[in-house]
């Protein structure tokens, strides 16, 4: 990743774009504690806001 460190977001992107374990190549040791971290609260709130806006937009178009 550009920041030089894995976070939950870029880890999700990397894993979701692969087509199986054989397609994943790690260039650095993986700190498995990254899977125990939580998302930043601001990002979760923004995701909720966007979901709500999407629902309103869908209802408006119906």
PDB file of N, CA and C in Angstrom:
ATOM      1  N   UNK A   1       0.826  -1.203   0.000  1.00  0.00           N
ATOM      2  CA  UNK A   1       0.000   0.000   0.000  1.00  0.00           C
ATOM      3  C   UNK A   1       0.862   1.256   0.000  1.00  0.00           C
ATOM      4  N   UNK A   2       0.346   2.334  -0.529  1.00  0.00           N
ATOM      5  CA  UNK A   2       1.115   3.571  -0.615  1.00  0.00           C
ATOM      6  C   UNK A   2       1.622   4.074   0.732  1.00  0.00           C
ATOM      7  N   UNK A   3       0.847   3.850   1.808  1.00  0.00           N
ATOM      8  CA  UNK A   3       1.261   4.345   3.120  1.00  0.00           C
ATOM      9  C   UNK A   3       2.388   3.512   3.714  1.00  0.00           C
ATOM     10  N   UNK A   4       2.648   2.358   3.138  1.00  0.00           N
ATOM     11  CA  UNK A   4       3.685   1.488   3.651  1.00  0.00           C
ATOM     12  C   UNK A   4       3.215   0.534   4.728  1.00  0.00           C
ATOM     13  N   UNK A   5       1.954   0.629   5.108  1.00  0.00           N
ATOM     14  CA  UNK A   5       1.422  -0.255   6.147  1.00  0.00           C
ATOM     15  C   UNK A   5       0.041  -0.739   5.742  1.00  0.00           C
ATOM     16  N   UNK A   6      -0.266  -1.948   6.147  1.00  0.00           N
ATOM     17  CA  UNK A   6      -1.600  -2.470   5.875  1.00  0.00           C
ATOM     18  C   UNK A   6      -2.588  -1.923   6.888  1.00  0.00           C
ATOM     19  N   UNK A   7      -3.773  -1.632   6.421  1.00  0.00           N
ATOM     20  CA  UNK A   7      -4.873  -1.319   7.321  1.00  0.00           C
ATOM     21  C   UNK A   7      -6.052  -2.175   6.879  1.00  0.00           C
ATOM     22  N   UNK A   8      -7.145  -2.103   7.609  1.00  0.00           N
ATOM     23  CA  UNK A   8      -8.280  -2.965   7.289  1.00  0.00           C
ATOM     24  C   UNK A   8      -8.820  -2.705   5.893  1.00  0.00           C
ATOM     25  N   UNK A   9      -8.793  -1.446   5.456  1.00  0.00           N
ATOM     26  CA  UNK A   9      -9.337  -1.121   4.143  1.00  0.00           C
ATOM     27  C   UNK A   9      -8.506  -1.736   3.024  1.00  0.00           C
ATOM     28  N   UNK A  10      -7.205  -1.452   3.002  1.00  0.00           N
ATOM     29  CA  UNK A  10      -6.427  -1.978   1.874  1.00  0.00           C
ATOM     30  C   UNK A  10      -6.231  -3.485   1.975  1.00  0.00           C
ATOM     31  N   UNK A  11      -6.315  -4.046   3.173  1.00  0.00           N
ATOM     32  CA  UNK A  11      -6.298  -5.500   3.310  1.00  0.00           C
ATOM     33  C   UNK A  11      -7.556  -6.107   2.703  1.00  0.00           C
ATOM     34  N   UNK A  12      -8.701  -5.490   2.963  1.00  0.00           N
ATOM     35  CA  UNK A  12      -9.963  -5.958   2.375  1.00  0.00           C
ATOM     36  C   UNK A  12      -9.904  -5.896   0.847  1.00  0.00           C
ATOM     37  N   UNK A  13      -9.404  -4.794   0.319  1.00  0.00           N
ATOM     38  CA  UNK A  13      -9.323  -4.642  -1.135  1.00  0.00           C
ATOM     39  C   UNK A  13      -8.421  -5.721  -1.730  1.00  0.00           C
ATOM     40  N   UNK A  14      -7.274  -5.928  -1.133  1.00  0.00           N
ATOM     41  CA  UNK A  14      -6.344  -6.933  -1.662  1.00  0.00           C
ATOM     42  C   UNK A  14      -6.951  -8.328  -1.631  1.00  0.00           C
ATOM     43  N   UNK A  15      -7.598  -8.674  -0.530  1.00  0.00           N
ATOM     44  CA  UNK A  15      -8.178 -10.012  -0.415  1.00  0.00           C
ATOM     45  C   UNK A  15      -9.392 -10.183  -1.316  1.00  0.00           C
ATOM     46  N   UNK A  16     -10.190  -9.139  -1.467  1.00  0.00           N
ATOM     47  CA  UNK A  16     -11.405  -9.272  -2.275  1.00  0.00           C
ATOM     48  C   UNK A  16     -11.103  -9.337  -3.767  1.00  0.00           C
ATOM     49  N   UNK A  17      -9.947  -8.855  -4.183  1.00  0.00           N
ATOM     50  CA  UNK A  17      -9.595  -8.890  -5.602  1.00  0.00           C
ATOM     51  C   UNK A  17      -8.885 -10.178  -6.001  1.00  0.00           C
ATOM     52  N   UNK A  18      -8.517 -10.975  -5.034  1.00  0.00           N
ATOM     53  CA  UNK A  18      -7.818 -12.219  -5.361  1.00  0.00           C
ATOM     54  C   UNK A  18      -8.833 -13.307  -5.688  1.00  0.00           C
ATOM     55  N   UNK A  19      -8.359 -14.323  -6.358  1.00  0.00           N
ATOM     56  CA  UNK A  19      -9.213 -15.452  -6.731  1.00  0.00           C
ATOM     57  C   UNK A  19      -8.738 -16.724  -6.038  1.00  0.00           C
ATOM     58  N   UNK A  20      -8.369 -16.585  -4.790  1.00  0.00           N
ATOM     59  CA  UNK A  20      -7.912 -17.737  -4.027  1.00  0.00           C
ATOM     60  C   UNK A  20      -6.561 -17.488  -3.391  1.00  0.00           C
ATOM     61  N   UNK A  21      -6.219 -18.357  -2.475  1.00  0.00           N
ATOM     62  CA  UNK A  21      -4.981 -18.194  -1.717  1.00  0.00           C
ATOM     63  C   UNK A  21      -3.743 -18.217  -2.600  1.00  0.00           C
ATOM     64  N   UNK A  22      -3.808 -18.937  -3.693  1.00  0.00           N
ATOM     65  CA  UNK A  22      -2.631 -19.046  -4.557  1.00  0.00           C
ATOM     66  C   UNK A  22      -2.306 -17.735  -5.263  1.00  0.00           C
ATOM     67  N   UNK A  23      -3.236 -16.798  -5.284  1.00  0.00           N
ATOM     68  CA  UNK A  23      -3.014 -15.527  -5.970  1.00  0.00           C
ATOM     69  C   UNK A  23      -2.546 -14.421  -5.033  1.00  0.00           C
ATOM     70  N   UNK A  24      -2.417 -14.708  -3.755  1.00  0.00           N
ATOM     71  CA  UNK A  24      -1.998 -13.704  -2.779  1.00  0.00           C
ATOM     72  C   UNK A  24      -0.506 -13.863  -2.527  1.00  0.00           C
ATOM     73  N   UNK A  25       0.231 -12.789  -2.727  1.00  0.00           N
ATOM     74  CA  UNK A  25       1.673 -12.800  -2.506  1.00  0.00           C
ATOM     75  C   UNK A  25       2.011 -11.682  -1.522  1.00  0.00           C
ATOM     76  N   UNK A  26       2.546 -12.042  -0.373  1.00  0.00           N
ATOM     77  CA  UNK A  26       2.917 -11.056   0.638  1.00  0.00           C
ATOM     78  C   UNK A  26       4.391 -10.716   0.480  1.00  0.00           C
ATOM     79  N   UNK A  27       4.681  -9.427   0.416  1.00  0.00           N
ATOM     80  CA  UNK A  27       6.060  -8.982   0.276  1.00  0.00           C
ATOM     81  C   UNK A  27       6.703  -8.699   1.626  1.00  0.00           C
ATOM     82  N   UNK A  28       5.894  -8.626   2.663  1.00  0.00           N
ATOM     83  CA  UNK A  28       6.372  -8.391   4.027  1.00  0.00           C
ATOM     84  C   UNK A  28       5.674  -9.376   4.950  1.00  0.00           C
ATOM     85  N   UNK A  29       6.234  -9.563   6.134  1.00  0.00           N
ATOM     86  CA  UNK A  29       5.558 -10.391   7.128  1.00  0.00           C
ATOM     87  C   UNK A  29       4.223  -9.756   7.475  1.00  0.00           C
ATOM     88  N   UNK A  30       3.226 -10.582   7.692  1.00  0.00           N
ATOM     89  CA  UNK A  30       1.889 -10.106   8.021  1.00  0.00           C
ATOM     90  C   UNK A  30       1.694 -10.149   9.524  1.00  0.00           C
ATOM     91  N   UNK A  31       1.369  -9.005  10.100  1.00  0.00           N
ATOM     92  CA  UNK A  31       1.026  -8.944  11.513  1.00  0.00           C
ATOM     93  C   UNK A  31      -0.436  -9.355  11.639  1.00  0.00           C
ATOM     94  N   UNK A  32      -0.674 -10.540  12.152  1.00  0.00           N
ATOM     95  CA  UNK A  32      -2.038 -11.059  12.226  1.00  0.00           C
ATOM     96  C   UNK A  32      -2.926 -10.255  13.166  1.00  0.00           C
ATOM     97  N   UNK A  33      -2.351  -9.401  13.989  1.00  0.00           N
ATOM     98  CA  UNK A  33      -3.149  -8.549  14.879  1.00  0.00           C
ATOM     99  C   UNK A  33      -3.986  -7.545  14.098  1.00  0.00           C
ATOM    100  N   UNK A  34      -3.640  -7.322  12.839  1.00  0.00           N
ATOM    101  CA  UNK A  34      -4.425  -6.387  12.028  1.00  0.00           C
ATOM    102  C   UNK A  34      -5.877  -6.848  11.915  1.00  0.00           C
ATOM    103  N   UNK A  35      -6.101  -8.151  11.979  1.00  0.00           N
ATOM    104  CA  UNK A  35      -7.461  -8.675  11.881  1.00  0.00           C
ATOM    105  C   UNK A  35      -8.270  -8.416  13.148  1.00  0.00           C
ATOM    106  N   UNK A  36      -7.606  -8.023  14.218  1.00  0.00           N
ATOM    107  CA  UNK A  36      -8.286  -7.750  15.486  1.00  0.00           C
ATOM    108  C   UNK A  36      -8.614  -6.271  15.661  1.00  0.00           C
ATOM    109  N   UNK A  37      -8.131  -5.444  14.764  1.00  0.00           N
ATOM    110  CA  UNK A  37      -8.379  -4.002  14.866  1.00  0.00           C
ATOM    111  C   UNK A  37      -9.802  -3.680  14.436  1.00  0.00           C
ATOM    112  N   UNK A  38     -10.251  -2.509  14.814  1.00  0.00           N
ATOM    113  CA  UNK A  38     -11.579  -2.048  14.410  1.00  0.00           C
ATOM    114  C   UNK A  38     -11.433  -0.868  13.465  1.00  0.00           C
ATOM    115  N   UNK A  39     -12.487  -0.606  12.720  1.00  0.00           N
ATOM    116  CA  UNK A  39     -12.488   0.547  11.827  1.00  0.00           C
ATOM    117  C   UNK A  39     -12.618   1.825  12.641  1.00  0.00           C
ATOM    118  N   UNK A  40     -12.114   2.897  12.104  1.00  0.00           N
ATOM    119  CA  UNK A  40     -12.275   4.192  12.770  1.00  0.00           C
ATOM    120  C   UNK A  40     -13.747   4.545  12.819  1.00  0.00           C
ATOM    121  N   UNK A  41     -14.182   5.083  13.941  1.00  0.00           N
ATOM    122  CA  UNK A  41     -15.582   5.420  14.140  1.00  0.00           C
ATOM    123  C   UNK A  41     -16.076   6.412  13.087  1.00  0.00           C
ATOM    124  N   UNK A  42     -15.225   7.345  12.679  1.00  0.00           N
ATOM    125  CA  UNK A  42     -15.624   8.331  11.669  1.00  0.00           C
ATOM    126  C   UNK A  42     -15.977   7.643  10.354  1.00  0.00           C
ATOM    127  N   UNK A  43     -15.224   6.614   9.991  1.00  0.00           N
ATOM    128  CA  UNK A  43     -15.501   5.897   8.747  1.00  0.00           C
ATOM    129  C   UNK A  43     -16.804   5.114   8.839  1.00  0.00           C
ATOM    130  N   UNK A  44     -17.060   4.523   9.998  1.00  0.00           N
ATOM    131  CA  UNK A  44     -18.311   3.791  10.185  1.00  0.00           C
ATOM    132  C   UNK A  44     -19.508   4.735  10.117  1.00  0.00           C
ATOM    133  N   UNK A  45     -19.370   5.918  10.720  1.00  0.00           N
ATOM    134  CA  UNK A  45     -20.457   6.902  10.680  1.00  0.00           C
ATOM    135  C   UNK A  45     -20.701   7.383   9.253  1.00  0.00           C
ATOM    136  N   UNK A  46     -19.639   7.608   8.500  1.00  0.00           N
ATOM    137  CA  UNK A  46     -19.779   8.051   7.116  1.00  0.00           C
ATOM    138  C   UNK A  46     -20.417   6.958   6.267  1.00  0.00           C
ATOM    139  N   UNK A  47     -20.055   5.724   6.504  1.00  0.00           N
ATOM    140  CA  UNK A  47     -20.659   4.609   5.783  1.00  0.00           C
ATOM    141  C   UNK A  47     -22.160   4.539   6.068  1.00  0.00           C
ATOM    142  N   UNK A  48     -22.540   4.712   7.325  1.00  0.00           N
ATOM    143  CA  UNK A  48     -23.962   4.726   7.692  1.00  0.00           C
ATOM    144  C   UNK A  48     -24.696   5.871   6.999  1.00  0.00           C
ATOM    145  N   UNK A  49     -24.055   7.041   6.951  1.00  0.00           N
ATOM    146  CA  UNK A  49     -24.673   8.208   6.312  1.00  0.00           C
ATOM    147  C   UNK A  49     -24.892   7.950   4.823  1.00  0.00           C
ATOM    148  N   UNK A  50     -23.900   7.363   4.174  1.00  0.00           N
ATOM    149  CA  UNK A  50     -24.024   7.079   2.745  1.00  0.00           C
ATOM    150  C   UNK A  50     -25.091   6.027   2.473  1.00  0.00           C
ATOM    151  N   UNK A  51     -25.193   5.030   3.331  1.00  0.00           N
ATOM    152  CA  UNK A  51     -26.247   4.015   3.190  1.00  0.00           C
ATOM    153  C   UNK A  51     -27.626   4.662   3.299  1.00  0.00           C
ATOM    154  N   UNK A  52     -27.772   5.559   4.254  1.00  0.00           N
ATOM    155  CA  UNK A  52     -29.056   6.235   4.450  1.00  0.00           C
ATOM    156  C   UNK A  52     -29.399   7.105   3.239  1.00  0.00           C
ATOM    157  N   UNK A  53     -28.425   7.826   2.727  1.00  0.00           N
ATOM    158  CA  UNK A  53     -28.640   8.667   1.537  1.00  0.00           C
ATOM    159  C   UNK A  53     -28.978   7.814   0.319  1.00  0.00           C
ATOM    160  N   UNK A  54     -28.330   6.679   0.187  1.00  0.00           N
ATOM    161  CA  UNK A  54     -28.611   5.776  -0.923  1.00  0.00           C
ATOM    162  C   UNK A  54     -30.054   5.282  -0.852  1.00  0.00           C
ATOM    163  N   UNK A  55     -30.495   4.939   0.350  1.00  0.00           N
ATOM    164  CA  UNK A  55     -31.878   4.501   0.528  1.00  0.00           C
ATOM    165  C   UNK A  55     -32.868   5.588   0.161  1.00  0.00           C
ATOM    166  N   UNK A  56     -32.567   6.817   0.578  1.00  0.00           N
ATOM    167  CA  UNK A  56     -33.452   7.940   0.234  1.00  0.00           C
ATOM    168  C   UNK A  56     -33.503   8.154  -1.272  1.00  0.00           C
ATOM    169  N   UNK A  57     -32.353   8.046  -1.928  1.00  0.00           N
ATOM    170  CA  UNK A  57     -32.302   8.231  -3.380  1.00  0.00           C
ATOM    171  C   UNK A  57     -33.104   7.145  -4.087  1.00  0.00           C
ATOM    172  N   UNK A  58     -32.961   5.904  -3.646  1.00  0.00           N
ATOM    173  CA  UNK A  58     -33.729   4.800  -4.249  1.00  0.00           C
ATOM    174  C   UNK A  58     -35.226   5.028  -4.084  1.00  0.00           C
ATOM    175  N   UNK A  59     -35.638   5.445  -2.900  1.00  0.00           N
ATOM    176  CA  UNK A  59     -37.061   5.710  -2.660  1.00  0.00           C
ATOM    177  C   UNK A  59     -37.565   6.866  -3.521  1.00  0.00           C
ATOM    178  N   UNK A  60     -36.737   7.879  -3.713  1.00  0.00           N
ATOM    179  CA  UNK A  60     -37.128   9.034  -4.516  1.00  0.00           C
ATOM    180  C   UNK A  60     -37.375   8.618  -5.967  1.00  0.00           C
ATOM    181  N   UNK A  61     -36.554   7.681  -6.494  1.00  0.00           N
ATOM    182  CA  UNK A  61     -36.685   7.259  -7.883  1.00  0.00           C
ATOM    183  C   UNK A  61     -37.819   6.271  -8.110  1.00  0.00           C
ATOM    184  N   UNK A  62     -38.375   5.692  -7.041  1.00  0.00           N
ATOM    185  CA  UNK A  62     -39.464   4.709  -7.209  1.00  0.00           C
ATOM    186  C   UNK A  62     -40.774   5.366  -7.523  1.00  0.00           C
TER     187      UNK A  62
END
